[in-house]
Protein backbone atom coordinates (compact mmCIF):
# COMPACT_ATOMS: atom_id res chain seq x y z
CA MET A 1 -67.00 -8.20 33.98
CA ASN A 2 -66.21 -4.59 33.08
CA VAL A 3 -69.29 -2.46 32.34
CA HIS A 4 -68.88 0.66 30.22
CA PHE A 5 -70.99 3.62 29.12
CA LEU A 6 -70.97 5.13 25.60
CA SER A 7 -72.02 8.74 25.15
CA PHE A 8 -73.13 11.41 22.65
CA TRP A 9 -75.29 9.13 20.59
CA ASN A 10 -77.95 10.39 18.24
CA ASN A 11 -79.92 13.62 18.31
CA PHE A 12 -82.58 12.00 16.13
CA ARG A 13 -83.62 14.25 13.23
CA ASP A 14 -82.44 17.26 15.29
CA HIS A 15 -85.06 16.48 17.93
CA ASP A 16 -83.31 18.92 20.29
CA LYS A 17 -81.60 22.21 19.60
CA ASP A 18 -77.83 21.79 19.65
CA TYR A 19 -77.49 23.65 22.94
CA ASP A 20 -80.20 21.59 24.62
CA PHE A 21 -78.77 18.34 23.28
CA TYR A 22 -75.34 19.15 24.70
CA LYS A 23 -76.72 20.13 28.08
CA LYS A 24 -78.68 16.89 28.26
CA GLU A 25 -75.76 14.72 27.18
CA LEU A 26 -73.43 16.37 29.68
CA ALA A 27 -75.95 15.69 32.44
CA VAL A 28 -76.28 12.03 31.42
CA ASN A 29 -72.50 11.62 31.19
CA LYS A 30 -72.05 13.03 34.67
CA LEU A 31 -74.09 10.09 36.00
CA ALA A 32 -71.61 7.47 34.78
CA GLU A 33 -69.02 7.70 37.57
CA PRO A 34 -71.39 7.94 40.57
CA LEU A 35 -73.42 5.04 39.19
CA GLY A 36 -70.29 2.88 39.10
CA PHE A 37 -69.51 2.39 35.40
CA ASP A 38 -65.90 1.43 34.65
CA THR A 39 -65.29 3.52 31.53
CA LEU A 40 -66.89 6.51 29.86
CA PHE A 41 -66.46 6.17 26.11
CA CYS A 42 -67.20 8.94 23.60
CA VAL A 43 -67.73 8.60 19.84
CA GLU A 44 -66.46 10.79 16.99
CA HIS A 45 -68.97 11.97 14.38
CA HIS A 46 -69.42 15.07 12.28
CA PHE A 47 -71.77 17.24 10.27
CA ASN A 48 -75.29 16.14 11.30
CA GLY A 49 -77.46 15.18 14.25
CA TYR A 50 -76.63 11.49 14.05
CA SER A 51 -74.06 12.20 16.75
CA MET A 52 -72.69 15.66 17.41
CA SER A 53 -69.34 14.74 18.91
CA PRO A 54 -66.65 16.11 16.60
CA ASP A 55 -63.83 16.11 19.19
CA ASN A 56 -63.99 13.30 21.71
CA PHE A 57 -60.56 14.11 23.15
CA GLN A 58 -61.72 17.63 24.05
CA PHE A 59 -64.83 16.31 25.77
CA LEU A 60 -62.89 13.64 27.66
CA GLY A 61 -60.38 16.24 28.83
CA TYR A 62 -63.29 18.13 30.36
CA MET A 63 -64.56 14.94 32.02
CA ALA A 64 -61.05 14.24 33.37
CA ALA A 65 -61.29 17.46 35.36
CA ILE A 66 -64.61 16.62 37.01
CA THR A 67 -64.14 12.89 37.70
CA ASP A 68 -61.78 10.89 39.89
CA ARG A 69 -62.07 7.19 39.11
CA ILE A 70 -63.77 6.38 35.82
CA LYS A 71 -61.61 5.58 32.79
CA LEU A 72 -62.02 7.85 29.76
CA GLY A 73 -61.98 6.42 26.26
CA THR A 74 -62.40 7.38 22.63
CA MET A 75 -64.71 4.97 20.82
CA GLY A 76 -63.27 5.71 18.60
CA VAL A 77 -61.08 8.35 17.13
CA ILE A 78 -61.55 7.89 13.36
CA LEU A 79 -58.00 7.46 12.17
CA PRO A 80 -58.42 8.18 8.43
CA TRP A 81 -59.80 11.65 9.29
CA ASN A 82 -57.05 12.57 11.74
CA ASP A 83 -53.30 13.16 11.59
CA PRO A 84 -51.65 10.21 13.42
CA LEU A 85 -49.17 12.59 15.09
CA ARG A 86 -52.02 14.64 16.58
CA VAL A 87 -53.91 11.53 17.69
CA ALA A 88 -50.86 10.25 19.57
CA GLU A 89 -50.24 13.64 21.18
CA ARG A 90 -53.84 14.03 22.29
CA ALA A 91 -54.01 10.51 23.71
CA ILE A 92 -50.89 11.11 25.79
CA VAL A 93 -52.10 14.51 27.00
CA LEU A 94 -55.45 12.99 28.03
CA ASP A 95 -53.55 10.34 29.96
CA HIS A 96 -51.61 13.03 31.86
CA LEU A 97 -54.74 15.08 32.53
CA SER A 98 -56.56 12.04 33.93
CA ASP A 99 -53.64 10.53 35.89
CA GLY A 100 -53.48 7.47 33.66
CA ARG A 101 -57.18 6.87 33.06
CA ALA A 102 -57.14 7.31 29.26
CA ILE A 103 -58.29 4.58 26.89
CA LEU A 104 -57.27 4.81 23.23
CA GLY A 105 -60.17 3.54 21.14
CA MET A 106 -59.79 3.59 17.34
CA ALA A 107 -62.25 3.18 14.48
CA ARG A 108 -62.30 3.43 10.68
CA GLY A 109 -65.62 5.15 10.02
CA LEU A 110 -68.16 4.28 7.36
CA ALA A 111 -70.24 7.32 6.44
CA LYS A 112 -69.65 8.59 2.92
CA ARG A 113 -70.81 12.10 3.89
CA GLU A 114 -68.09 12.35 6.53
CA TYR A 115 -65.36 11.05 4.23
CA ASN A 116 -66.43 13.47 1.50
CA ALA A 117 -66.34 16.47 3.85
CA PHE A 118 -62.86 15.53 5.07
CA GLN A 119 -61.81 15.10 1.43
CA VAL A 120 -60.60 11.58 2.04
CA GLU A 121 -61.39 8.84 -0.45
CA LEU A 122 -63.66 6.18 1.03
CA GLU A 123 -61.76 3.47 -0.81
CA GLU A 124 -58.50 4.56 0.86
CA SER A 125 -59.91 4.00 4.34
CA ARG A 126 -58.63 0.48 4.81
CA ASP A 127 -54.99 1.25 4.03
CA ARG A 128 -55.06 4.61 5.78
CA PHE A 129 -56.50 3.05 8.93
CA ASP A 130 -54.00 0.20 9.14
CA GLU A 131 -51.04 2.52 8.50
CA ALA A 132 -52.19 5.09 11.06
CA ALA A 133 -53.06 2.48 13.70
CA ARG A 134 -49.52 1.06 13.65
CA MET A 135 -47.99 4.55 13.88
CA VAL A 136 -50.22 5.73 16.74
CA CYS A 137 -49.94 2.55 18.80
CA ASN A 138 -46.15 2.59 18.51
CA ALA A 139 -45.95 6.31 19.32
CA VAL A 140 -47.97 6.18 22.55
CA GLU A 141 -45.57 3.52 23.84
CA THR A 142 -42.22 4.93 22.69
CA GLY A 143 -42.86 8.68 22.83
CA PHE A 144 -41.69 9.05 19.23
CA ILE A 145 -43.74 9.03 16.05
CA GLU A 146 -42.53 8.14 12.60
CA GLY A 147 -43.87 6.62 9.41
CA ASP A 148 -42.76 5.84 5.89
CA GLY A 149 -46.02 4.59 4.40
CA PRO A 150 -47.78 5.96 1.33
CA TYR A 151 -50.27 8.11 3.28
CA TYR A 152 -48.43 9.33 6.38
CA ARG A 153 -44.79 10.06 5.70
CA GLN A 154 -43.60 11.28 9.05
CA PRO A 155 -39.97 11.90 10.00
CA GLN A 156 -39.26 10.75 13.53
CA ALA A 157 -40.38 13.35 16.04
CA PRO A 158 -40.48 13.31 19.85
CA LEU A 159 -43.82 13.69 21.60
CA ARG A 160 -43.88 16.04 24.59
CA PRO A 161 -45.16 15.39 27.10
CA GLY A 162 -43.97 11.85 26.72
CA PRO A 163 -46.13 8.86 27.62
CA PHE A 164 -47.54 8.90 31.15
CA LYS A 165 -47.40 5.09 31.22
CA SER A 166 -47.85 2.20 28.81
CA PHE A 167 -51.13 1.90 26.92
CA GLU A 168 -50.85 -1.89 26.98
CA GLY A 169 -54.28 -3.23 27.87
CA ARG A 170 -55.80 0.21 27.21
CA LYS A 171 -56.22 0.07 23.44
CA PHE A 172 -59.59 -0.74 21.87
CA MET A 173 -60.60 -0.98 18.23
CA VAL A 174 -63.99 -1.19 16.56
CA ALA A 175 -63.48 -4.35 14.51
CA MET A 176 -66.80 -5.35 13.00
CA SER A 177 -65.59 -6.31 9.54
CA PRO A 178 -63.32 -9.31 8.97
CA ASP A 179 -60.57 -7.21 7.40
CA THR A 180 -60.21 -5.05 10.54
CA VAL A 181 -59.67 -8.04 12.82
CA PRO A 182 -56.00 -8.67 11.84
CA ILE A 183 -54.81 -5.10 12.57
CA CYS A 184 -56.81 -5.07 15.81
CA ALA A 185 -54.96 -8.18 16.98
CA GLU A 186 -51.59 -6.98 15.65
CA VAL A 187 -51.57 -3.75 17.66
CA GLY A 188 -52.82 -5.50 20.79
CA ALA A 189 -56.24 -3.84 20.91
CA THR A 190 -59.38 -5.16 22.54
CA GLN A 191 -61.98 -5.92 19.88
CA ALA A 192 -65.17 -3.83 20.08
CA MET A 193 -68.41 -4.63 18.26
CA PHE A 194 -71.82 -2.99 18.13
CA ALA A 195 -74.95 -5.11 18.36
CA TYR A 196 -76.58 -5.06 14.95
CA LYS A 197 -77.09 -8.68 13.89
CA PRO A 198 -77.34 -12.11 15.56
CA TRP A 199 -74.15 -12.92 17.49
CA GLU A 200 -73.97 -16.31 15.79
CA ASP A 201 -73.14 -14.38 12.61
CA VAL A 202 -70.07 -12.64 14.07
CA VAL A 203 -68.65 -15.24 16.45
CA GLY A 204 -66.18 -16.29 13.75
CA ASP A 205 -64.63 -12.80 13.71
CA ILE A 206 -64.35 -12.85 17.51
CA GLN A 207 -62.65 -16.23 17.46
CA ASN A 208 -60.29 -15.08 14.71
CA HIS A 209 -59.26 -12.07 16.80
CA ARG A 210 -58.54 -14.29 19.78
CA SER A 211 -56.42 -16.62 17.66
CA LEU A 212 -54.43 -13.82 15.98
CA PHE A 213 -53.95 -11.95 19.26
CA LEU A 214 -52.43 -15.05 20.84
CA GLN A 215 -50.12 -15.51 17.83
CA HIS A 216 -48.91 -11.90 17.99
CA HIS A 217 -48.57 -11.46 21.74
CA GLY A 218 -48.34 -14.90 23.32
CA VAL A 219 -51.21 -14.19 25.74
CA GLU A 220 -54.98 -14.53 25.59
CA ALA A 221 -56.89 -11.61 24.11
CA PRO A 222 -58.97 -9.45 26.44
CA PRO A 223 -62.69 -10.21 26.30
CA VAL A 224 -64.45 -8.61 23.35
CA MET A 225 -66.46 -5.49 24.17
CA THR A 226 -70.05 -5.54 22.89
CA ALA A 227 -71.97 -2.24 22.67
CA ASP A 228 -75.76 -2.12 22.88
CA LEU A 229 -78.52 0.43 22.67
CA THR A 230 -79.86 -0.36 26.12
CA PHE A 231 -83.28 0.27 27.62
CA CYS A 232 -83.88 -0.96 31.15
CA ALA A 233 -87.13 -0.70 33.11
CA ASP A 234 -88.77 -2.54 35.98
CA SER A 235 -91.84 -3.22 33.87
CA ALA A 236 -91.56 -5.59 30.90
CA ASP A 237 -94.25 -3.66 29.03
CA GLU A 238 -92.47 -0.35 29.58
CA ALA A 239 -89.14 -1.84 28.45
CA GLU A 240 -90.63 -3.31 25.29
CA GLU A 241 -92.43 -0.09 24.44
CA GLY A 242 -89.26 1.93 25.00
CA ALA A 243 -87.11 -0.40 22.92
CA HIS A 244 -89.50 -0.44 20.00
CA LYS A 245 -89.77 3.33 20.14
CA TYR A 246 -86.18 4.41 20.67
CA VAL A 247 -84.07 1.52 19.33
CA ALA A 248 -86.25 1.23 16.24
CA ARG A 249 -86.04 4.99 15.74
CA TYR A 250 -82.27 4.77 16.00
CA PHE A 251 -82.17 2.24 13.17
CA GLU A 252 -83.72 4.86 10.88
CA SER A 253 -81.02 7.36 11.83
CA PHE A 254 -78.27 4.74 11.43
CA ALA A 255 -79.46 3.76 7.95
CA GLU A 256 -79.78 7.40 6.91
CA HIS A 257 -76.40 8.56 8.22
CA TYR A 258 -74.41 5.67 6.81
CA GLU A 259 -76.51 5.31 3.66
CA ILE A 260 -76.36 1.64 4.50
CA PHE A 261 -78.61 0.69 1.60
CA GLY A 262 -76.69 2.88 -0.87
CA GLU A 263 -75.29 1.67 -4.16
CA HIS A 264 -71.81 2.88 -3.22
CA LEU A 265 -71.48 0.11 -0.62
CA LYS A 266 -72.46 -2.56 -3.13
CA GLU A 267 -69.49 -1.51 -5.26
CA SER A 268 -67.03 -0.82 -2.43
CA LYS A 269 -63.94 -2.96 -1.97
CA SER A 270 -63.11 -1.36 1.38
CA TYR A 271 -66.58 -2.01 2.79
CA SER A 272 -67.58 -5.25 1.09
CA HIS A 273 -68.75 -6.53 4.49
CA TYR A 274 -71.70 -4.13 4.29
CA SER A 275 -72.47 -4.62 0.61
CA ASP A 276 -75.39 -7.01 1.11
CA ALA A 277 -77.55 -4.63 3.16
CA GLY A 278 -79.52 -3.49 0.13
CA SER A 279 -80.14 -7.05 -0.98
CA ALA A 280 -81.25 -8.02 2.52
CA LEU A 281 -83.74 -5.16 2.48
CA GLU A 282 -85.24 -6.47 -0.76
CA ILE A 283 -85.45 -10.02 0.59
CA VAL A 284 -86.79 -9.59 4.12
CA GLY A 285 -88.28 -6.10 3.99
CA HIS A 286 -87.74 -2.98 6.05
CA GLU A 287 -89.96 -3.94 8.98
CA ALA A 288 -88.17 -7.25 9.50
CA MET A 289 -84.77 -5.54 9.39
CA VAL A 290 -85.84 -3.03 12.03
CA GLU A 291 -87.20 -5.81 14.24
CA GLY A 292 -84.00 -7.79 13.85
CA PHE A 293 -81.94 -4.76 14.81
CA VAL A 294 -84.09 -4.09 17.88
CA ASN A 295 -83.77 -7.68 19.02
CA ALA A 296 -80.00 -7.72 18.52
CA ASN A 297 -79.63 -5.09 21.24
CA VAL A 298 -80.10 -5.58 24.98
CA TRP A 299 -83.27 -4.23 26.59
CA GLY A 300 -85.90 -5.37 29.04
CA THR A 301 -86.37 -5.72 32.76
CA PRO A 302 -83.19 -6.25 34.78
CA GLN A 303 -83.81 -9.99 34.77
CA GLN A 304 -84.52 -10.08 31.03
CA ILE A 305 -81.32 -8.15 30.33
CA LEU A 306 -79.29 -10.56 32.45
CA GLU A 307 -80.82 -13.49 30.59
CA LYS A 308 -79.93 -11.90 27.23
CA TYR A 309 -76.35 -11.29 28.36
CA GLU A 310 -76.12 -14.87 29.60
CA ALA A 311 -77.35 -16.16 26.24
CA ARG A 312 -74.79 -13.97 24.46
CA GLY A 313 -71.99 -15.34 26.62
CA LYS A 314 -72.91 -18.88 25.63
CA ILE A 315 -72.41 -17.92 21.99
CA ILE A 316 -69.32 -15.68 22.05
CA GLY A 317 -67.72 -16.51 25.40
CA ASP A 318 -66.51 -13.95 27.93
CA PHE A 319 -67.22 -10.33 26.99
CA GLN A 320 -67.33 -6.79 28.34
CA ALA A 321 -70.62 -4.88 28.26
CA ASN A 322 -70.80 -1.38 26.78
CA THR A 323 -74.15 0.33 27.22
CA ILE A 324 -75.79 3.27 25.43
CA PHE A 325 -78.65 4.85 27.35
CA SER A 326 -79.31 8.20 25.68
CA TYR A 327 -80.31 8.15 22.00
CA SER A 328 -83.09 8.84 19.52
CA GLY A 329 -84.23 12.06 21.14
CA MET A 330 -85.26 10.53 24.46
CA SER A 331 -85.54 12.87 27.41
CA TYR A 332 -82.98 13.20 30.17
CA GLU A 333 -85.38 11.66 32.68
CA THR A 334 -86.02 8.64 30.46
CA ALA A 335 -82.30 8.06 29.94
CA LYS A 336 -81.52 8.62 33.62
CA ASN A 337 -84.19 6.17 34.80
CA SER A 338 -83.02 3.47 32.39
CA MET A 339 -79.36 4.00 33.28
CA THR A 340 -80.01 4.06 37.03
CA THR A 341 -82.16 0.92 37.00
CA PHE A 342 -79.44 -0.88 35.04
CA ALA A 343 -76.68 0.29 37.38
CA GLU A 344 -78.57 -0.70 40.51
CA LYS A 345 -80.13 -3.99 39.40
CA VAL A 346 -78.07 -5.37 36.50
CA MET A 347 -74.50 -4.22 37.05
CA PRO A 348 -73.91 -5.95 40.43
CA GLU A 349 -74.86 -9.32 38.95
CA LEU A 350 -72.70 -8.74 35.87
CA ARG A 351 -69.73 -7.99 38.06
CA SER A 352 -70.27 -11.20 40.00
CA TRP A 353 -69.96 -13.22 36.79
CA GLY A 354 -66.32 -12.22 36.51
CA LYS A 355 -65.65 -13.64 39.97
CA LYS A 356 -67.14 -17.08 39.34
């Protein structure tokens, strides 16, 4: 099983000054390769402390210079906010800088505040994303970009430098809503999902991706990648306390940034998958939603985490683990201890599962 690390996640309510947050996140990120993680992924977010990572390609280019082995991935570049030509160029340049270690991860984005600031209509996101994804995925293979769609009319242009090597097997896509699954399969991307609800509720989307991927490409889809807010400690009491402090705190930031209970999602055609959040809040209450979110993620002692991963595998089948260790204003030492305990006591067993 591949085990990944996802970075630059959540300076909760500006807990740290921007400078201090960046210094801490850089220090945490520099642990990923020596601890043995397979891929370092970096998000794209803008305009507030939810996640201050406006240019993941720039950050990954820096990491390419100071690492030797670990793969470097965007998770993801938000296609509706970026020119497809520039995304393709930057992906190829990152691949050259890293000697072929780049991973192209794509996402659609959800936050109204980010769409408004980029002056892109939220309701155009679905069509913009699908159009851009096809253009970018074709360009990084052929070395030429072109498009004749309604949003990105692009005369054919060569990309220089040209592709370092094929991105086949190195494309990922956040596909958490049913209408993203088809384009994810079409372009040959690995499906990525964040833990936010019971896995029984999303297994249908995972199975649909596998079926469509096989139809498009004639081979089995790569295992889905699941991303968790992770808290690992030797003591069960410490792990539970940490999870209910930091993961629960993250839920507040998540709901605030995405306005997940906002009226605009109830009326949205592009984000109908999220339209029932407000109704769920009225039915089950805020406390129950927070507790459900905490329990959807993976935390505990090393043994408890392994048991939770094993239970997940029985529901969704084979998967890749993506872990988030620094979030919600936790200190560097807290993140480092959690990450190190996981790497030393969980990761070896996870890797052995792929050999059975």
